Amino acid sequence: MEYTQLGRSGLKVSRLRLRATNFGPETDPTESFAIMDAAQAAGINDVDTANVAW
């Protein structure tokens, strides 16, 4: 996984982001946790939890 620095904060975030917009209405909790576990195992540490899809 590639990471980049988040502004001047010193935090390193993955270049890929997991969008969790449909967790709940479209994805049951068991499947949601499986997706998040797989993302974490792949090195993704940036999760978009906004409740609005653009």
PDB file of N, CA and C in Angstrom:
ATOM      1  N   MET A   1       0.842  -1.174   0.000  1.00  0.00           N
ATOM      2  CA  MET A   1       0.000   0.000   0.000  1.00  0.00           C
ATOM      3  C   MET A   1       0.889   1.239   0.000  1.00  0.00           C
ATOM      4  N   GLU A   2       0.507   2.208  -0.791  1.00  0.00           N
ATOM      5  CA  GLU A   2       1.212   3.488  -0.797  1.00  0.00           C
ATOM      6  C   GLU A   2       0.530   4.425   0.190  1.00  0.00           C
ATOM      7  N   TYR A   3       1.334   5.231   0.867  1.00  0.00           N
ATOM      8  CA  TYR A   3       0.820   6.184   1.837  1.00  0.00           C
ATOM      9  C   TYR A   3       1.304   7.578   1.477  1.00  0.00           C
ATOM     10  N   THR A   4       0.568   8.573   1.944  1.00  0.00           N
ATOM     11  CA  THR A   4       0.939   9.964   1.734  1.00  0.00           C
ATOM     12  C   THR A   4       0.713  10.718   3.034  1.00  0.00           C
ATOM     13  N   GLN A   5       1.425  11.807   3.196  1.00  0.00           N
ATOM     14  CA  GLN A   5       1.285  12.597   4.414  1.00  0.00           C
ATOM     15  C   GLN A   5       0.028  13.456   4.317  1.00  0.00           C
ATOM     16  N   LEU A   6      -0.724  13.530   5.409  1.00  0.00           N
ATOM     17  CA  LEU A   6      -1.949  14.317   5.455  1.00  0.00           C
ATOM     18  C   LEU A   6      -1.612  15.734   5.912  1.00  0.00           C
ATOM     19  N   GLY A   7      -1.505  16.626   4.933  1.00  0.00           N
ATOM     20  CA  GLY A   7      -1.172  18.017   5.238  1.00  0.00           C
ATOM     21  C   GLY A   7       0.124  18.125   6.010  1.00  0.00           C
ATOM     22  N   ARG A   8       0.117  18.976   7.020  1.00  0.00           N
ATOM     23  CA  ARG A   8       1.305  19.156   7.862  1.00  0.00           C
ATOM     24  C   ARG A   8       1.174  18.413   9.182  1.00  0.00           C
ATOM     25  N   SER A   9       0.161  17.569   9.302  1.00  0.00           N
ATOM     26  CA  SER A   9      -0.123  16.887  10.568  1.00  0.00           C
ATOM     27  C   SER A   9       0.895  15.813  10.913  1.00  0.00           C
ATOM     28  N   GLY A  10       1.594  15.294   9.919  1.00  0.00           N
ATOM     29  CA  GLY A  10       2.516  14.190  10.159  1.00  0.00           C
ATOM     30  C   GLY A  10       1.852  12.824  10.042  1.00  0.00           C
ATOM     31  N   LEU A  11       0.531  12.802   9.894  1.00  0.00           N
ATOM     32  CA  LEU A  11      -0.180  11.530   9.747  1.00  0.00           C
ATOM     33  C   LEU A  11       0.041  10.968   8.349  1.00  0.00           C
ATOM     34  N   LYS A  12       0.202   9.667   8.264  1.00  0.00           N
ATOM     35  CA  LYS A  12       0.331   8.987   6.972  1.00  0.00           C
ATOM     36  C   LYS A  12      -0.975   8.254   6.700  1.00  0.00           C
ATOM     37  N   VAL A  13      -1.569   8.548   5.547  1.00  0.00           N
ATOM     38  CA  VAL A  13      -2.827   7.900   5.174  1.00  0.00           C
ATOM     39  C   VAL A  13      -2.639   7.137   3.869  1.00  0.00           C
ATOM     40  N   SER A  14      -3.393   6.073   3.731  1.00  0.00           N
ATOM     41  CA  SER A  14      -3.313   5.266   2.518  1.00  0.00           C
ATOM     42  C   SER A  14      -3.845   6.054   1.333  1.00  0.00           C
ATOM     43  N   ARG A  15      -3.274   5.797   0.169  1.00  0.00           N
ATOM     44  CA  ARG A  15      -3.738   6.483  -1.035  1.00  0.00           C
ATOM     45  C   ARG A  15      -5.107   5.959  -1.472  1.00  0.00           C
ATOM     46  N   LEU A  16      -5.457   4.761  -1.054  1.00  0.00           N
ATOM     47  CA  LEU A  16      -6.792   4.228  -1.319  1.00  0.00           C
ATOM     48  C   LEU A  16      -7.662   4.464  -0.088  1.00  0.00           C
ATOM     49  N   ARG A  17      -8.925   4.763  -0.321  1.00  0.00           N
ATOM     50  CA  ARG A  17      -9.860   5.047   0.764  1.00  0.00           C
ATOM     51  C   ARG A  17     -11.052   4.109   0.648  1.00  0.00           C
ATOM     52  N   LEU A  18     -11.512   3.638   1.798  1.00  0.00           N
ATOM     53  CA  LEU A  18     -12.719   2.816   1.840  1.00  0.00           C
ATOM     54  C   LEU A  18     -13.914   3.733   2.046  1.00  0.00           C
ATOM     55  N   ARG A  19     -14.850   3.710   1.103  1.00  0.00           N
ATOM     56  CA  ARG A  19     -16.080   4.491   1.251  1.00  0.00           C
ATOM     57  C   ARG A  19     -17.137   3.628   1.918  1.00  0.00           C
ATOM     58  N   ALA A  20     -17.603   4.061   3.071  1.00  0.00           N
ATOM     59  CA  ALA A  20     -18.567   3.295   3.853  1.00  0.00           C
ATOM     60  C   ALA A  20     -19.981   3.862   3.736  1.00  0.00           C
ATOM     61  N   THR A  21     -20.239   4.619   2.698  1.00  0.00           N
ATOM     62  CA  THR A  21     -21.522   5.293   2.520  1.00  0.00           C
ATOM     63  C   THR A  21     -22.698   4.315   2.559  1.00  0.00           C
ATOM     64  N   ASN A  22     -22.553   3.159   1.946  1.00  0.00           N
ATOM     65  CA  ASN A  22     -23.674   2.218   1.856  1.00  0.00           C
ATOM     66  C   ASN A  22     -23.718   1.198   2.981  1.00  0.00           C
ATOM     67  N   PHE A  23     -22.806   1.298   3.933  1.00  0.00           N
ATOM     68  CA  PHE A  23     -22.870   0.385   5.068  1.00  0.00           C
ATOM     69  C   PHE A  23     -24.149   0.703   5.838  1.00  0.00           C
ATOM     70  N   GLY A  24     -24.914  -0.310   6.155  1.00  0.00           N
ATOM     71  CA  GLY A  24     -26.181  -0.093   6.859  1.00  0.00           C
ATOM     72  C   GLY A  24     -27.344  -0.301   5.922  1.00  0.00           C
ATOM     73  N   PRO A  25     -27.649   0.669   5.042  1.00  0.00           N
ATOM     74  CA  PRO A  25     -28.813   0.487   4.176  1.00  0.00           C
ATOM     75  C   PRO A  25     -28.622  -0.599   3.122  1.00  0.00           C
ATOM     76  N   GLU A  26     -27.389  -0.796   2.646  1.00  0.00           N
ATOM     77  CA  GLU A  26     -27.143  -1.751   1.568  1.00  0.00           C
ATOM     78  C   GLU A  26     -26.351  -2.982   2.005  1.00  0.00           C
ATOM     79  N   THR A  27     -25.642  -2.877   3.124  1.00  0.00           N
ATOM     80  CA  THR A  27     -24.738  -3.950   3.552  1.00  0.00           C
ATOM     81  C   THR A  27     -25.023  -4.304   5.008  1.00  0.00           C
ATOM     82  N   ASP A  28     -25.276  -5.577   5.281  1.00  0.00           N
ATOM     83  CA  ASP A  28     -25.563  -5.964   6.662  1.00  0.00           C
ATOM     84  C   ASP A  28     -24.290  -5.882   7.516  1.00  0.00           C
ATOM     85  N   PRO A  29     -24.426  -5.840   8.847  1.00  0.00           N
ATOM     86  CA  PRO A  29     -23.268  -5.654   9.723  1.00  0.00           C
ATOM     87  C   PRO A  29     -22.164  -6.703   9.538  1.00  0.00           C
ATOM     88  N   THR A  30     -22.522  -7.952   9.347  1.00  0.00           N
ATOM     89  CA  THR A  30     -21.515  -8.997   9.171  1.00  0.00           C
ATOM     90  C   THR A  30     -20.672  -8.740   7.933  1.00  0.00           C
ATOM     91  N   GLU A  31     -21.325  -8.406   6.835  1.00  0.00           N
ATOM     92  CA  GLU A  31     -20.607  -8.123   5.598  1.00  0.00           C
ATOM     93  C   GLU A  31     -19.793  -6.834   5.714  1.00  0.00           C
ATOM     94  N   SER A  32     -20.344  -5.832   6.387  1.00  0.00           N
ATOM     95  CA  SER A  32     -19.636  -4.565   6.589  1.00  0.00           C
ATOM     96  C   SER A  32     -18.328  -4.787   7.344  1.00  0.00           C
ATOM     97  N   PHE A  33     -18.374  -5.564   8.425  1.00  0.00           N
ATOM     98  CA  PHE A  33     -17.162  -5.845   9.197  1.00  0.00           C
ATOM     99  C   PHE A  33     -16.155  -6.646   8.388  1.00  0.00           C
ATOM    100  N   ALA A  34     -16.631  -7.573   7.560  1.00  0.00           N
ATOM    101  CA  ALA A  34     -15.726  -8.354   6.704  1.00  0.00           C
ATOM    102  C   ALA A  34     -15.013  -7.444   5.709  1.00  0.00           C
ATOM    103  N   ILE A  35     -15.737  -6.480   5.153  1.00  0.00           N
ATOM    104  CA  ILE A  35     -15.140  -5.526   4.204  1.00  0.00           C
ATOM    105  C   ILE A  35     -14.098  -4.673   4.914  1.00  0.00           C
ATOM    106  N   MET A  36     -14.440  -4.164   6.112  1.00  0.00           N
ATOM    107  CA  MET A  36     -13.492  -3.327   6.856  1.00  0.00           C
ATOM    108  C   MET A  36     -12.252  -4.117   7.274  1.00  0.00           C
ATOM    109  N   ASP A  37     -12.435  -5.374   7.681  1.00  0.00           N
ATOM    110  CA  ASP A  37     -11.294  -6.219   8.045  1.00  0.00           C
ATOM    111  C   ASP A  37     -10.376  -6.443   6.845  1.00  0.00           C
ATOM    112  N   ALA A  38     -10.957  -6.692   5.673  1.00  0.00           N
ATOM    113  CA  ALA A  38     -10.163  -6.894   4.460  1.00  0.00           C
ATOM    114  C   ALA A  38      -9.415  -5.622   4.074  1.00  0.00           C
ATOM    115  N   ALA A  39     -10.066  -4.478   4.216  1.00  0.00           N
ATOM    116  CA  ALA A  39      -9.413  -3.198   3.905  1.00  0.00           C
ATOM    117  C   ALA A  39      -8.236  -2.961   4.838  1.00  0.00           C
ATOM    118  N   GLN A  40      -8.432  -3.229   6.117  1.00  0.00           N
ATOM    119  CA  GLN A  40      -7.342  -3.046   7.084  1.00  0.00           C
ATOM    120  C   GLN A  40      -6.189  -4.009   6.779  1.00  0.00           C
ATOM    121  N   ALA A  41      -6.499  -5.241   6.445  1.00  0.00           N
ATOM    122  CA  ALA A  41      -5.459  -6.219   6.112  1.00  0.00           C
ATOM    123  C   ALA A  41      -4.673  -5.786   4.875  1.00  0.00           C
ATOM    124  N   ALA A  42      -5.337  -5.057   3.970  1.00  0.00           N
ATOM    125  CA  ALA A  42      -4.671  -4.574   2.756  1.00  0.00           C
ATOM    126  C   ALA A  42      -3.865  -3.304   3.010  1.00  0.00           C
ATOM    127  N   GLY A  43      -3.975  -2.735   4.227  1.00  0.00           N
ATOM    128  CA  GLY A  43      -3.213  -1.544   4.572  1.00  0.00           C
ATOM    129  C   GLY A  43      -3.982  -0.249   4.457  1.00  0.00           C
ATOM    130  N   ILE A  44      -5.270  -0.317   4.154  1.00  0.00           N
ATOM    131  CA  ILE A  44      -6.083   0.899   4.060  1.00  0.00           C
ATOM    132  C   ILE A  44      -6.364   1.405   5.465  1.00  0.00           C
ATOM    133  N   ASN A  45      -6.046   2.678   5.701  1.00  0.00           N
ATOM    134  CA  ASN A  45      -6.293   3.261   7.016  1.00  0.00           C
ATOM    135  C   ASN A  45      -7.111   4.548   6.928  1.00  0.00           C
ATOM    136  N   ASP A  46      -7.748   4.782   5.794  1.00  0.00           N
ATOM    137  CA  ASP A  46      -8.563   5.971   5.575  1.00  0.00           C
ATOM    138  C   ASP A  46      -9.969   5.507   5.197  1.00  0.00           C
ATOM    139  N   VAL A  47     -10.939   5.792   6.075  1.00  0.00           N
ATOM    140  CA  VAL A  47     -12.311   5.357   5.841  1.00  0.00           C
ATOM    141  C   VAL A  47     -13.212   6.585   5.783  1.00  0.00           C
ATOM    142  N   ASP A  48     -13.919   6.731   4.674  1.00  0.00           N
ATOM    143  CA  ASP A  48     -14.864   7.836   4.479  1.00  0.00           C
ATOM    144  C   ASP A  48     -16.185   7.406   5.102  1.00  0.00           C
ATOM    145  N   THR A  49     -16.582   8.068   6.194  1.00  0.00           N
ATOM    146  CA  THR A  49     -17.818   7.699   6.895  1.00  0.00           C
ATOM    147  C   THR A  49     -18.917   8.740   6.710  1.00  0.00           C
ATOM    148  N   ALA A  50     -18.770   9.627   5.730  1.00  0.00           N
ATOM    149  CA  ALA A  50     -19.799  10.645   5.489  1.00  0.00           C
ATOM    150  C   ALA A  50     -21.122   9.969   5.171  1.00  0.00           C
ATOM    151  N   ASN A  51     -22.197  10.559   5.648  1.00  0.00           N
ATOM    152  CA  ASN A  51     -23.519   9.974   5.399  1.00  0.00           C
ATOM    153  C   ASN A  51     -24.194  10.567   4.174  1.00  0.00           C
ATOM    154  N   VAL A  52     -23.393  11.184   3.290  1.00  0.00           N
ATOM    155  CA  VAL A  52     -23.905  11.775   2.057  1.00  0.00           C
ATOM    156  C   VAL A  52     -23.062  11.293   0.890  1.00  0.00           C
ATOM    157  N   ALA A  53     -23.699  10.786  -0.131  1.00  0.00           N
ATOM    158  CA  ALA A  53     -22.980  10.377  -1.342  1.00  0.00           C
ATOM    159  C   ALA A  53     -23.007  11.524  -2.336  1.00  0.00           C
ATOM    160  N   TRP A  54     -21.894  11.811  -2.974  1.00  0.00           N
ATOM    161  CA  TRP A  54     -21.819  12.916  -3.940  1.00  0.00           C
ATOM    162  C   TRP A  54     -22.156  12.439  -5.304  1.00  0.00           C
TER     163      TRP A  54
END
